């Protein structure tokens, strides 16, 4: 199953985003990263170079170089995990999929035969 980019997410994907953030923090902690100086987030289309959902875990945030700070600062091209969760939680009911409509997580990966992910 393939989840595109963060703009394809819906209210029903809140647990997915929460899980990604939890796992990112857990791995950072296990690797001895600075838990007080971290940025978690997603590149927003069309400023994403990989068309599948993935979380950036950046630490120590305060020691990033100029280009990294520019590319990963909260702006219209990069959204923090907390901001994405706020956006999903604020979706009007009509944008929330019904129980019968599949979410991006439930839709099968539709690549041509022979093409690998």
PDB file of N, CA and C in Angstrom:
ATOM      1  N   UNK A   1       0.846  -1.160   0.000  1.00  0.00           N
ATOM      2  CA  UNK A   1       0.000   0.000   0.000  1.00  0.00           C
ATOM      3  C   UNK A   1       0.897   1.230   0.000  1.00  0.00           C
ATOM      4  N   UNK A   2       0.497   2.247  -0.719  1.00  0.00           N
ATOM      5  CA  UNK A   2       1.308   3.450  -0.900  1.00  0.00           C
ATOM      6  C   UNK A   2       0.547   4.677  -0.425  1.00  0.00           C
ATOM      7  N   UNK A   3       1.203   5.483   0.390  1.00  0.00           N
ATOM      8  CA  UNK A   3       0.646   6.776   0.815  1.00  0.00           C
ATOM      9  C   UNK A   3       1.486   7.828   0.117  1.00  0.00           C
ATOM     10  N   UNK A   4       0.841   8.650  -0.666  1.00  0.00           N
ATOM     11  CA  UNK A   4       1.546   9.658  -1.453  1.00  0.00           C
ATOM     12  C   UNK A   4       2.280  10.674  -0.601  1.00  0.00           C
ATOM     13  N   UNK A   5       1.856  11.890  -0.644  1.00  0.00           N
ATOM     14  CA  UNK A   5       2.506  12.947   0.117  1.00  0.00           C
ATOM     15  C   UNK A   5       1.542  13.470   1.179  1.00  0.00           C
ATOM     16  N   UNK A   6       1.974  14.361   2.057  1.00  0.00           N
ATOM     17  CA  UNK A   6       1.101  14.788   3.147  1.00  0.00           C
ATOM     18  C   UNK A   6      -0.182  15.493   2.691  1.00  0.00           C
ATOM     19  N   UNK A   7      -0.196  16.029   1.494  1.00  0.00           N
ATOM     20  CA  UNK A   7      -1.420  16.709   1.026  1.00  0.00           C
ATOM     21  C   UNK A   7      -2.545  15.723   0.722  1.00  0.00           C
ATOM     22  N   UNK A   8      -2.245  14.432   0.632  1.00  0.00           N
ATOM     23  CA  UNK A   8      -3.275  13.422   0.358  1.00  0.00           C
ATOM     24  C   UNK A   8      -3.936  12.906   1.629  1.00  0.00           C
ATOM     25  N   UNK A   9      -3.434  13.311   2.790  1.00  0.00           N
ATOM     26  CA  UNK A   9      -3.945  12.789   4.052  1.00  0.00           C
ATOM     27  C   UNK A   9      -5.298  13.386   4.409  1.00  0.00           C
ATOM     28  N   UNK A  10      -6.047  12.637   5.203  1.00  0.00           N
ATOM     29  CA  UNK A  10      -7.366  13.059   5.651  1.00  0.00           C
ATOM     30  C   UNK A  10      -7.433  12.934   7.168  1.00  0.00           C
ATOM     31  N   UNK A  11      -8.568  13.317   7.697  1.00  0.00           N
ATOM     32  CA  UNK A  11      -8.819  13.210   9.128  1.00  0.00           C
ATOM     33  C   UNK A  11      -8.527  11.793   9.635  1.00  0.00           C
ATOM     34  N   UNK A  12      -8.866  10.801   8.838  1.00  0.00           N
ATOM     35  CA  UNK A  12      -8.659   9.407   9.241  1.00  0.00           C
ATOM     36  C   UNK A  12      -7.189   9.012   9.337  1.00  0.00           C
ATOM     37  N   UNK A  13      -6.305   9.855   8.824  1.00  0.00           N
ATOM     38  CA  UNK A  13      -4.874   9.552   8.846  1.00  0.00           C
ATOM     39  C   UNK A  13      -4.158  10.139  10.062  1.00  0.00           C
ATOM     40  N   UNK A  14      -4.896  10.743  10.969  1.00  0.00           N
ATOM     41  CA  UNK A  14      -4.280  11.301  12.177  1.00  0.00           C
ATOM     42  C   UNK A  14      -3.457  10.245  12.917  1.00  0.00           C
ATOM     43  N   UNK A  15      -3.966   9.021  13.130  1.00  0.00           N
ATOM     44  CA  UNK A  15      -3.147   8.018  13.826  1.00  0.00           C
ATOM     45  C   UNK A  15      -1.840   7.701  13.092  1.00  0.00           C
ATOM     46  N   UNK A  16      -1.847   7.733  11.775  1.00  0.00           N
ATOM     47  CA  UNK A  16      -0.632   7.482  11.003  1.00  0.00           C
ATOM     48  C   UNK A  16       0.410   8.562  11.288  1.00  0.00           C
ATOM     49  N   UNK A  17       0.005   9.819  11.245  1.00  0.00           N
ATOM     50  CA  UNK A  17       0.938  10.925  11.478  1.00  0.00           C
ATOM     51  C   UNK A  17       1.449  10.885  12.919  1.00  0.00           C
ATOM     52  N   UNK A  18       0.556  10.602  13.861  1.00  0.00           N
ATOM     53  CA  UNK A  18       0.969  10.485  15.264  1.00  0.00           C
ATOM     54  C   UNK A  18       1.984   9.352  15.435  1.00  0.00           C
ATOM     55  N   UNK A  19       1.750   8.238  14.768  1.00  0.00           N
ATOM     56  CA  UNK A  19       2.659   7.099  14.858  1.00  0.00           C
ATOM     57  C   UNK A  19       4.027   7.422  14.254  1.00  0.00           C
ATOM     58  N   UNK A  20       4.032   8.094  13.106  1.00  0.00           N
ATOM     59  CA  UNK A  20       5.303   8.489  12.492  1.00  0.00           C
ATOM     60  C   UNK A  20       6.098   9.382  13.446  1.00  0.00           C
ATOM     61  N   UNK A  21       5.434  10.354  14.070  1.00  0.00           N
ATOM     62  CA  UNK A  21       6.114  11.258  15.001  1.00  0.00           C
ATOM     63  C   UNK A  21       6.645  10.497  16.214  1.00  0.00           C
ATOM     64  N   UNK A  22       5.852   9.581  16.753  1.00  0.00           N
ATOM     65  CA  UNK A  22       6.292   8.788  17.913  1.00  0.00           C
ATOM     66  C   UNK A  22       7.516   7.940  17.571  1.00  0.00           C
ATOM     67  N   UNK A  23       7.483   7.284  16.420  1.00  0.00           N
ATOM     68  CA  UNK A  23       8.605   6.444  16.011  1.00  0.00           C
ATOM     69  C   UNK A  23       9.842   7.313  15.758  1.00  0.00           C
ATOM     70  N   UNK A  24       9.657   8.457  15.119  1.00  0.00           N
ATOM     71  CA  UNK A  24      10.780   9.366  14.877  1.00  0.00           C
ATOM     72  C   UNK A  24      11.435   9.802  16.170  1.00  0.00           C
ATOM     73  N   UNK A  25      10.630  10.161  17.159  1.00  0.00           N
ATOM     74  CA  UNK A  25      11.171  10.575  18.461  1.00  0.00           C
ATOM     75  C   UNK A  25      11.857   9.412  19.165  1.00  0.00           C
ATOM     76  N   UNK A  26      11.284   8.228  19.052  1.00  0.00           N
ATOM     77  CA  UNK A  26      11.865   7.050  19.700  1.00  0.00           C
ATOM     78  C   UNK A  26      13.233   6.727  19.110  1.00  0.00           C
ATOM     79  N   UNK A  27      13.337   6.749  17.797  1.00  0.00           N
ATOM     80  CA  UNK A  27      14.614   6.470  17.139  1.00  0.00           C
ATOM     81  C   UNK A  27      15.631   7.548  17.501  1.00  0.00           C
ATOM     82  N   UNK A  28      15.208   8.802  17.512  1.00  0.00           N
ATOM     83  CA  UNK A  28      16.108   9.890  17.884  1.00  0.00           C
ATOM     84  C   UNK A  28      16.648   9.678  19.298  1.00  0.00           C
ATOM     85  N   UNK A  29      15.771   9.323  20.216  1.00  0.00           N
ATOM     86  CA  UNK A  29      16.185   9.090  21.599  1.00  0.00           C
ATOM     87  C   UNK A  29      17.151   7.907  21.683  1.00  0.00           C
ATOM     88  N   UNK A  30      16.837   6.814  20.973  1.00  0.00           N
ATOM     89  CA  UNK A  30      17.703   5.633  20.979  1.00  0.00           C
ATOM     90  C   UNK A  30      19.088   5.929  20.412  1.00  0.00           C
ATOM     91  N   UNK A  31      19.151   6.872  19.472  1.00  0.00           N
ATOM     92  CA  UNK A  31      20.427   7.233  18.850  1.00  0.00           C
ATOM     93  C   UNK A  31      21.169   8.323  19.629  1.00  0.00           C
ATOM     94  N   UNK A  32      20.602   8.742  20.763  1.00  0.00           N
ATOM     95  CA  UNK A  32      21.261   9.756  21.594  1.00  0.00           C
ATOM     96  C   UNK A  32      21.073  11.172  21.094  1.00  0.00           C
ATOM     97  N   UNK A  33      20.034  11.404  20.295  1.00  0.00           N
ATOM     98  CA  UNK A  33      19.778  12.741  19.769  1.00  0.00           C
ATOM     99  C   UNK A  33      19.238  13.682  20.832  1.00  0.00           C
ATOM    100  N   UNK A  34      19.260  14.952  20.519  1.00  0.00           N
ATOM    101  CA  UNK A  34      18.797  15.988  21.435  1.00  0.00           C
ATOM    102  C   UNK A  34      17.279  16.108  21.342  1.00  0.00           C
ATOM    103  N   UNK A  35      16.581  15.599  22.328  1.00  0.00           N
ATOM    104  CA  UNK A  35      15.114  15.592  22.321  1.00  0.00           C
ATOM    105  C   UNK A  35      14.517  16.980  22.554  1.00  0.00           C
ATOM    106  N   UNK A  36      15.314  17.910  23.050  1.00  0.00           N
ATOM    107  CA  UNK A  36      14.827  19.275  23.316  1.00  0.00           C
ATOM    108  C   UNK A  36      15.036  20.196  22.119  1.00  0.00           C
ATOM    109  N   UNK A  37      15.805  19.754  21.129  1.00  0.00           N
ATOM    110  CA  UNK A  37      16.150  20.595  19.986  1.00  0.00           C
ATOM    111  C   UNK A  37      15.901  19.803  18.700  1.00  0.00           C
ATOM    112  N   UNK A  38      14.627  19.516  18.453  1.00  0.00           N
ATOM    113  CA  UNK A  38      14.263  18.651  17.335  1.00  0.00           C
ATOM    114  C   UNK A  38      13.156  19.298  16.507  1.00  0.00           C
ATOM    115  N   UNK A  39      13.175  19.033  15.229  1.00  0.00           N
ATOM    116  CA  UNK A  39      12.091  19.451  14.335  1.00  0.00           C
ATOM    117  C   UNK A  39      11.631  18.223  13.570  1.00  0.00           C
ATOM    118  N   UNK A  40      10.327  17.965  13.607  1.00  0.00           N
ATOM    119  CA  UNK A  40       9.714  16.861  12.866  1.00  0.00           C
ATOM    120  C   UNK A  40       8.814  17.475  11.801  1.00  0.00           C
ATOM    121  N   UNK A  41       8.923  17.024  10.573  1.00  0.00           N
ATOM    122  CA  UNK A  41       8.053  17.615   9.568  1.00  0.00           C
ATOM    123  C   UNK A  41       8.108  16.928   8.219  1.00  0.00           C
ATOM    124  N   UNK A  42       7.312  17.489   7.308  1.00  0.00           N
ATOM    125  CA  UNK A  42       7.089  16.933   5.978  1.00  0.00           C
ATOM    126  C   UNK A  42       7.251  18.020   4.927  1.00  0.00           C
ATOM    127  N   UNK A  43       7.881  17.690   3.800  1.00  0.00           N
ATOM    128  CA  UNK A  43       7.901  18.620   2.672  1.00  0.00           C
ATOM    129  C   UNK A  43       6.534  18.575   1.994  1.00  0.00           C
ATOM    130  N   UNK A  44       6.051  19.742   1.586  1.00  0.00           N
ATOM    131  CA  UNK A  44       4.726  19.890   0.995  1.00  0.00           C
ATOM    132  C   UNK A  44       4.850  20.040  -0.514  1.00  0.00           C
ATOM    133  N   UNK A  45       4.013  19.346  -1.277  1.00  0.00           N
ATOM    134  CA  UNK A  45       4.074  19.454  -2.736  1.00  0.00           C
ATOM    135  C   UNK A  45       3.849  20.897  -3.195  1.00  0.00           C
ATOM    136  N   UNK A  46       4.505  21.296  -4.226  1.00  0.00           N
ATOM    137  CA  UNK A  46       5.364  20.508  -5.125  1.00  0.00           C
ATOM    138  C   UNK A  46       6.826  20.497  -4.694  1.00  0.00           C
ATOM    139  N   UNK A  47       7.089  20.799  -3.447  1.00  0.00           N
ATOM    140  CA  UNK A  47       8.469  20.918  -2.970  1.00  0.00           C
ATOM    141  C   UNK A  47       9.001  19.625  -2.351  1.00  0.00           C
ATOM    142  N   UNK A  48       8.392  18.512  -2.695  1.00  0.00           N
ATOM    143  CA  UNK A  48       8.876  17.220  -2.233  1.00  0.00           C
ATOM    144  C   UNK A  48       9.532  16.505  -3.409  1.00  0.00           C
ATOM    145  N   UNK A  49      10.649  15.865  -3.158  1.00  0.00           N
ATOM    146  CA  UNK A  49      11.351  15.178  -4.241  1.00  0.00           C
ATOM    147  C   UNK A  49      11.030  13.684  -4.270  1.00  0.00           C
ATOM    148  N   UNK A  50      10.375  13.193  -3.231  1.00  0.00           N
ATOM    149  CA  UNK A  50      10.006  11.786  -3.138  1.00  0.00           C
ATOM    150  C   UNK A  50       8.497  11.727  -2.962  1.00  0.00           C
ATOM    151  N   UNK A  51       7.795  11.003  -3.834  1.00  0.00           N
ATOM    152  CA  UNK A  51       6.338  11.005  -3.779  1.00  0.00           C
ATOM    153  C   UNK A  51       5.787   9.859  -2.933  1.00  0.00           C
ATOM    154  N   UNK A  52       6.260   9.774  -1.708  1.00  0.00           N
ATOM    155  CA  UNK A  52       5.625   8.919  -0.711  1.00  0.00           C
ATOM    156  C   UNK A  52       5.819   9.589   0.646  1.00  0.00           C
ATOM    157  N   UNK A  53       4.885   9.345   1.515  1.00  0.00           N
ATOM    158  CA  UNK A  53       4.899   9.990   2.816  1.00  0.00           C
ATOM    159  C   UNK A  53       6.134   9.570   3.608  1.00  0.00           C
ATOM    160  N   UNK A  54       6.880  10.545   4.071  1.00  0.00           N
ATOM    161  CA  UNK A  54       8.035  10.284   4.927  1.00  0.00           C
ATOM    162  C   UNK A  54       8.252  11.490   5.837  1.00  0.00           C
ATOM    163  N   UNK A  55       8.701  11.205   7.037  1.00  0.00           N
ATOM    164  CA  UNK A  55       8.897  12.221   8.063  1.00  0.00           C
ATOM    165  C   UNK A  55      10.374  12.571   8.173  1.00  0.00           C
ATOM    166  N   UNK A  56      10.666  13.869   8.236  1.00  0.00           N
ATOM    167  CA  UNK A  56      12.022  14.329   8.509  1.00  0.00           C
ATOM    168  C   UNK A  56      12.154  14.525  10.015  1.00  0.00           C
ATOM    169  N   UNK A  57      13.205  13.958  10.602  1.00  0.00           N
ATOM    170  CA  UNK A  57      13.518  14.128  12.026  1.00  0.00           C
ATOM    171  C   UNK A  57      14.868  14.825  12.070  1.00  0.00           C
ATOM    172  N   UNK A  58      14.867  16.084  12.483  1.00  0.00           N
ATOM    173  CA  UNK A  58      16.068  16.908  12.431  1.00  0.00           C
ATOM    174  C   UNK A  58      16.504  17.305  13.835  1.00  0.00           C
ATOM    175  N   UNK A  59      17.742  16.938  14.191  1.00  0.00           N
ATOM    176  CA  UNK A  59      18.257  17.283  15.508  1.00  0.00           C
ATOM    177  C   UNK A  59      19.777  17.206  15.471  1.00  0.00           C
ATOM    178  N   UNK A  60      20.467  18.139  16.073  1.00  0.00           N
ATOM    179  CA  UNK A  60      19.944  19.307  16.767  1.00  0.00           C
ATOM    180  C   UNK A  60      19.516  20.378  15.767  1.00  0.00           C
ATOM    181  N   UNK A  61      18.308  20.800  15.904  1.00  0.00           N
ATOM    182  CA  UNK A  61      17.706  21.775  15.024  1.00  0.00           C
ATOM    183  C   UNK A  61      18.511  23.077  14.982  1.00  0.00           C
ATOM    184  N   UNK A  62      19.009  23.504  16.121  1.00  0.00           N
ATOM    185  CA  UNK A  62      19.712  24.788  16.213  1.00  0.00           C
ATOM    186  C   UNK A  62      21.076  24.756  15.524  1.00  0.00           C
ATOM    187  N   UNK A  63      21.588  23.592  15.190  1.00  0.00           N
ATOM    188  CA  UNK A  63      22.913  23.502  14.584  1.00  0.00           C
ATOM    189  C   UNK A  63      22.871  23.180  13.093  1.00  0.00           C
ATOM    190  N   UNK A  64      21.689  23.244  12.487  1.00  0.00           N
ATOM    191  CA  UNK A  64      21.595  22.997  11.053  1.00  0.00           C
ATOM    192  C   UNK A  64      22.280  24.134  10.297  1.00  0.00           C
ATOM    193  N   UNK A  65      22.834  23.800   9.150  1.00  0.00           N
ATOM    194  CA  UNK A  65      23.452  24.805   8.296  1.00  0.00           C
ATOM    195  C   UNK A  65      22.401  25.688   7.637  1.00  0.00           C
ATOM    196  N   UNK A  66      22.858  26.707   6.942  1.00  0.00           N
ATOM    197  CA  UNK A  66      21.960  27.684   6.328  1.00  0.00           C
ATOM    198  C   UNK A  66      20.954  27.030   5.391  1.00  0.00           C
ATOM    199  N   UNK A  67      21.427  26.188   4.481  1.00  0.00           N
ATOM    200  CA  UNK A  67      20.537  25.573   3.497  1.00  0.00           C
ATOM    201  C   UNK A  67      19.526  24.651   4.172  1.00  0.00           C
ATOM    202  N   UNK A  68      19.979  23.853   5.132  1.00  0.00           N
ATOM    203  CA  UNK A  68      19.059  22.965   5.857  1.00  0.00           C
ATOM    204  C   UNK A  68      18.007  23.767   6.622  1.00  0.00           C
ATOM    205  N   UNK A  69      18.431  24.859   7.249  1.00  0.00           N
ATOM    206  CA  UNK A  69      17.459  25.708   7.962  1.00  0.00           C
ATOM    207  C   UNK A  69      16.431  26.264   6.996  1.00  0.00           C
ATOM    208  N   UNK A  70      16.882  26.662   5.813  1.00  0.00           N
ATOM    209  CA  UNK A  70      15.973  27.216   4.812  1.00  0.00           C
ATOM    210  C   UNK A  70      14.989  26.158   4.307  1.00  0.00           C
ATOM    211  N   UNK A  71      15.494  24.966   3.988  1.00  0.00           N
ATOM    212  CA  UNK A  71      14.651  23.914   3.427  1.00  0.00           C
ATOM    213  C   UNK A  71      13.690  23.297   4.440  1.00  0.00           C
ATOM    214  N   UNK A  72      14.040  23.346   5.714  1.00  0.00           N
ATOM    215  CA  UNK A  72      13.252  22.662   6.734  1.00  0.00           C
ATOM    216  C   UNK A  72      12.618  23.610   7.744  1.00  0.00           C
ATOM    217  N   UNK A  73      12.479  24.863   7.391  1.00  0.00           N
ATOM    218  CA  UNK A  73      11.791  25.784   8.294  1.00  0.00           C
ATOM    219  C   UNK A  73      10.300  25.737   7.987  1.00  0.00           C
ATOM    220  N   UNK A  74       9.479  25.964   8.998  1.00  0.00           N
ATOM    221  CA  UNK A  74       8.032  25.971   8.753  1.00  0.00           C
ATOM    222  C   UNK A  74       7.687  27.076   7.744  1.00  0.00           C
ATOM    223  N   UNK A  75       7.179  26.670   6.606  1.00  0.00           N
ATOM    224  CA  UNK A  75       6.815  27.584   5.526  1.00  0.00           C
ATOM    225  C   UNK A  75       5.842  26.844   4.615  1.00  0.00           C
ATOM    226  N   UNK A  76       5.534  27.414   3.470  1.00  0.00           N
ATOM    227  CA  UNK A  76       4.580  26.744   2.585  1.00  0.00           C
ATOM    228  C   UNK A  76       5.167  25.509   1.927  1.00  0.00           C
ATOM    229  N   UNK A  77       6.470  25.269   2.051  1.00  0.00           N
ATOM    230  CA  UNK A  77       7.087  24.076   1.476  1.00  0.00           C
ATOM    231  C   UNK A  77       7.446  23.016   2.517  1.00  0.00           C
ATOM    232  N   UNK A  78       7.333  23.342   3.804  1.00  0.00           N
ATOM    233  CA  UNK A  78       7.654  22.379   4.863  1.00  0.00           C
ATOM    234  C   UNK A  78       6.684  22.579   6.021  1.00  0.00           C
ATOM    235  N   UNK A  79       6.009  21.512   6.414  1.00  0.00           N
ATOM    236  CA  UNK A  79       5.032  21.593   7.488  1.00  0.00           C
ATOM    237  C   UNK A  79       5.471  20.699   8.641  1.00  0.00           C
ATOM    238  N   UNK A  80       5.469  21.257   9.850  1.00  0.00           N
ATOM    239  CA  UNK A  80       5.834  20.441  11.004  1.00  0.00           C
ATOM    240  C   UNK A  80       4.750  19.392  11.242  1.00  0.00           C
ATOM    241  N   UNK A  81       5.130  18.327  11.936  1.00  0.00           N
ATOM    242  CA  UNK A  81       4.171  17.266  12.247  1.00  0.00           C
ATOM    243  C   UNK A  81       3.018  17.819  13.080  1.00  0.00           C
ATOM    244  N   UNK A  82       3.314  18.688  14.041  1.00  0.00           N
ATOM    245  CA  UNK A  82       2.249  19.278  14.865  1.00  0.00           C
ATOM    246  C   UNK A  82       1.280  20.101  14.024  1.00  0.00           C
ATOM    247  N   UNK A  83       1.803  20.875  13.083  1.00  0.00           N
ATOM    248  CA  UNK A  83       0.943  21.705  12.224  1.00  0.00           C
ATOM    249  C   UNK A  83       0.092  20.826  11.308  1.00  0.00           C
ATOM    250  N   UNK A  84       0.670  19.740  10.797  1.00  0.00           N
ATOM    251  CA  UNK A  84      -0.103  18.824   9.960  1.00  0.00           C
ATOM    252  C   UNK A  84      -1.228  18.193  10.766  1.00  0.00           C
ATOM    253  N   UNK A  85      -0.937  17.799  12.001  1.00  0.00           N
ATOM    254  CA  UNK A  85      -1.991  17.233  12.857  1.00  0.00           C
ATOM    255  C   UNK A  85      -3.094  18.247  13.106  1.00  0.00           C
ATOM    256  N   UNK A  86      -2.731  19.500  13.363  1.00  0.00           N
ATOM    257  CA  UNK A  86      -3.745  20.553  13.540  1.00  0.00           C
ATOM    258  C   UNK A  86      -4.608  20.681  12.294  1.00  0.00           C
ATOM    259  N   UNK A  87      -3.972  20.655  11.141  1.00  0.00           N
ATOM    260  CA  UNK A  87      -4.691  20.787   9.868  1.00  0.00           C
ATOM    261  C   UNK A  87      -5.678  19.619   9.680  1.00  0.00           C
ATOM    262  N   UNK A  88      -5.222  18.402   9.958  1.00  0.00           N
ATOM    263  CA  UNK A  88      -6.088  17.234   9.796  1.00  0.00           C
ATOM    264  C   UNK A  88      -7.243  17.260  10.798  1.00  0.00           C
ATOM    265  N   UNK A  89      -6.966  17.665  12.030  1.00  0.00           N
ATOM    266  CA  UNK A  89      -8.006  17.716  13.063  1.00  0.00           C
ATOM    267  C   UNK A  89      -9.051  18.783  12.765  1.00  0.00           C
ATOM    268  N   UNK A  90      -8.665  19.803  12.024  1.00  0.00           N
ATOM    269  CA  UNK A  90      -9.582  20.897  11.710  1.00  0.00           C
ATOM    270  C   UNK A  90     -10.376  20.684  10.425  1.00  0.00           C
ATOM    271  N   UNK A  91     -10.186  19.560   9.763  1.00  0.00           N
ATOM    272  CA  UNK A  91     -10.903  19.308   8.506  1.00  0.00           C
ATOM    273  C   UNK A  91     -12.405  19.307   8.744  1.00  0.00           C
ATOM    274  N   UNK A  92     -13.146  20.030   7.910  1.00  0.00           N
ATOM    275  CA  UNK A  92     -14.608  19.979   8.013  1.00  0.00           C
ATOM    276  C   UNK A  92     -15.123  18.567   7.756  1.00  0.00           C
ATOM    277  N   UNK A  93     -16.271  18.275   8.298  1.00  0.00           N
ATOM    278  CA  UNK A  93     -16.849  16.926   8.173  1.00  0.00           C
ATOM    279  C   UNK A  93     -16.985  16.496   6.716  1.00  0.00           C
ATOM    280  N   UNK A  94     -17.288  17.418   5.812  1.00  0.00           N
ATOM    281  CA  UNK A  94     -17.474  17.021   4.411  1.00  0.00           C
ATOM    282  C   UNK A  94     -16.161  16.613   3.751  1.00  0.00           C
ATOM    283  N   UNK A  95     -15.029  16.981   4.334  1.00  0.00           N
ATOM    284  CA  UNK A  95     -13.739  16.552   3.795  1.00  0.00           C
ATOM    285  C   UNK A  95     -13.275  15.255   4.437  1.00  0.00           C
ATOM    286  N   UNK A  96     -13.966  14.823   5.472  1.00  0.00           N
ATOM    287  CA  UNK A  96     -13.610  13.573   6.116  1.00  0.00           C
ATOM    288  C   UNK A  96     -14.271  12.439   5.333  1.00  0.00           C
ATOM    289  N   UNK A  97     -13.511  11.439   4.938  1.00  0.00           N
ATOM    290  CA  UNK A  97     -14.086  10.364   4.137  1.00  0.00           C
ATOM    291  C   UNK A  97     -15.117   9.573   4.931  1.00  0.00           C
ATOM    292  N   UNK A  98     -16.108   9.087   4.232  1.00  0.00           N
ATOM    293  CA  UNK A  98     -17.106   8.243   4.887  1.00  0.00           C
ATOM    294  C   UNK A  98     -16.494   6.882   5.162  1.00  0.00           C
ATOM    295  N   UNK A  99     -17.169   6.097   5.970  1.00  0.00           N
ATOM    296  CA  UNK A  99     -16.658   4.771   6.327  1.00  0.00           C
ATOM    297  C   UNK A  99     -16.477   3.895   5.088  1.00  0.00           C
ATOM    298  N   UNK A 100     -17.248   4.144   4.036  1.00  0.00           N
ATOM    299  CA  UNK A 100     -17.169   3.298   2.852  1.00  0.00           C
ATOM    300  C   UNK A 100     -16.113   3.745   1.855  1.00  0.00           C
ATOM    301  N   UNK A 101     -15.610   4.995   1.970  1.00  0.00           N
ATOM    302  CA  UNK A 101     -14.614   5.440   1.005  1.00  0.00           C
ATOM    303  C   UNK A 101     -13.209   5.160   1.527  1.00  0.00           C
ATOM    304  N   UNK A 102     -12.340   4.599   0.674  1.00  0.00           N
ATOM    305  CA  UNK A 102     -11.004   4.237   1.129  1.00  0.00           C
ATOM    306  C   UNK A 102     -10.141   5.469   1.375  1.00  0.00           C
ATOM    307  N   UNK A 103      -9.259   5.383   2.345  1.00  0.00           N
ATOM    308  CA  UNK A 103      -8.277   6.441   2.591  1.00  0.00           C
ATOM    309  C   UNK A 103      -7.054   6.118   1.759  1.00  0.00           C
ATOM    310  N   UNK A 104      -6.087   7.040   1.630  1.00  0.00           N
ATOM    311  CA  UNK A 104      -4.878   6.726   0.862  1.00  0.00           C
ATOM    312  C   UNK A 104      -4.171   5.480   1.384  1.00  0.00           C
ATOM    313  N   UNK A 105      -4.277   5.205   2.685  1.00  0.00           N
ATOM    314  CA  UNK A 105      -3.626   4.025   3.239  1.00  0.00           C
ATOM    315  C   UNK A 105      -4.266   2.752   2.710  1.00  0.00           C
ATOM    316  N   UNK A 106      -5.556   2.777   2.407  1.00  0.00           N
ATOM    317  CA  UNK A 106      -6.277   1.578   2.022  1.00  0.00           C
ATOM    318  C   UNK A 106      -6.230   1.318   0.526  1.00  0.00           C
ATOM    319  N   UNK A 107      -5.801   2.295  -0.260  1.00  0.00           N
ATOM    320  CA  UNK A 107      -5.789   2.114  -1.696  1.00  0.00           C
ATOM    321  C   UNK A 107      -4.557   1.327  -2.097  1.00  0.00           C
ATOM    322  N   UNK A 108      -4.729   0.317  -2.936  1.00  0.00           N
ATOM    323  CA  UNK A 108      -3.588  -0.511  -3.338  1.00  0.00           C
ATOM    324  C   UNK A 108      -2.603   0.288  -4.178  1.00  0.00           C
ATOM    325  N   UNK A 109      -1.354  -0.116  -4.137  1.00  0.00           N
ATOM    326  CA  UNK A 109      -0.317   0.478  -4.954  1.00  0.00           C
ATOM    327  C   UNK A 109      -0.588   0.060  -6.389  1.00  0.00           C
ATOM    328  N   UNK A 110      -0.724   1.013  -7.291  1.00  0.00           N
ATOM    329  CA  UNK A 110      -1.085   0.685  -8.670  1.00  0.00           C
ATOM    330  C   UNK A 110       0.067   1.018  -9.615  1.00  0.00           C
ATOM    331  N   UNK A 111       1.131   0.285  -9.489  1.00  0.00           N
ATOM    332  CA  UNK A 111       2.273   0.440 -10.397  1.00  0.00           C
ATOM    333  C   UNK A 111       2.108  -0.562 -11.533  1.00  0.00           C
ATOM    334  N   UNK A 112       2.634  -0.229 -12.724  1.00  0.00           N
ATOM    335  CA  UNK A 112       2.564  -1.187 -13.834  1.00  0.00           C
ATOM    336  C   UNK A 112       3.265  -2.488 -13.451  1.00  0.00           C
ATOM    337  N   UNK A 113       2.785  -3.572 -14.048  1.00  0.00           N
ATOM    338  CA  UNK A 113       3.377  -4.880 -13.754  1.00  0.00           C
ATOM    339  C   UNK A 113       4.859  -4.861 -14.018  1.00  0.00           C
ATOM    340  N   UNK A 114       5.608  -5.498 -13.122  1.00  0.00           N
ATOM    341  CA  UNK A 114       7.052  -5.568 -13.295  1.00  0.00           C
ATOM    342  C   UNK A 114       7.805  -4.413 -12.670  1.00  0.00           C
ATOM    343  N   UNK A 115       7.128  -3.286 -12.387  1.00  0.00           N
ATOM    344  CA  UNK A 115       7.803  -2.134 -11.774  1.00  0.00           C
ATOM    345  C   UNK A 115       7.794  -2.293 -10.280  1.00  0.00           C
ATOM    346  N   UNK A 116       8.958  -2.134  -9.668  1.00  0.00           N
ATOM    347  CA  UNK A 116       9.070  -2.313  -8.225  1.00  0.00           C
ATOM    348  C   UNK A 116       9.046  -0.970  -7.532  1.00  0.00           C
ATOM    349  N   UNK A 117       8.655  -0.998  -6.236  1.00  0.00           N
ATOM    350  CA  UNK A 117       8.623   0.224  -5.431  1.00  0.00           C
ATOM    351  C   UNK A 117      10.013   0.606  -5.005  1.00  0.00           C
TER     352      UNK A 117
END
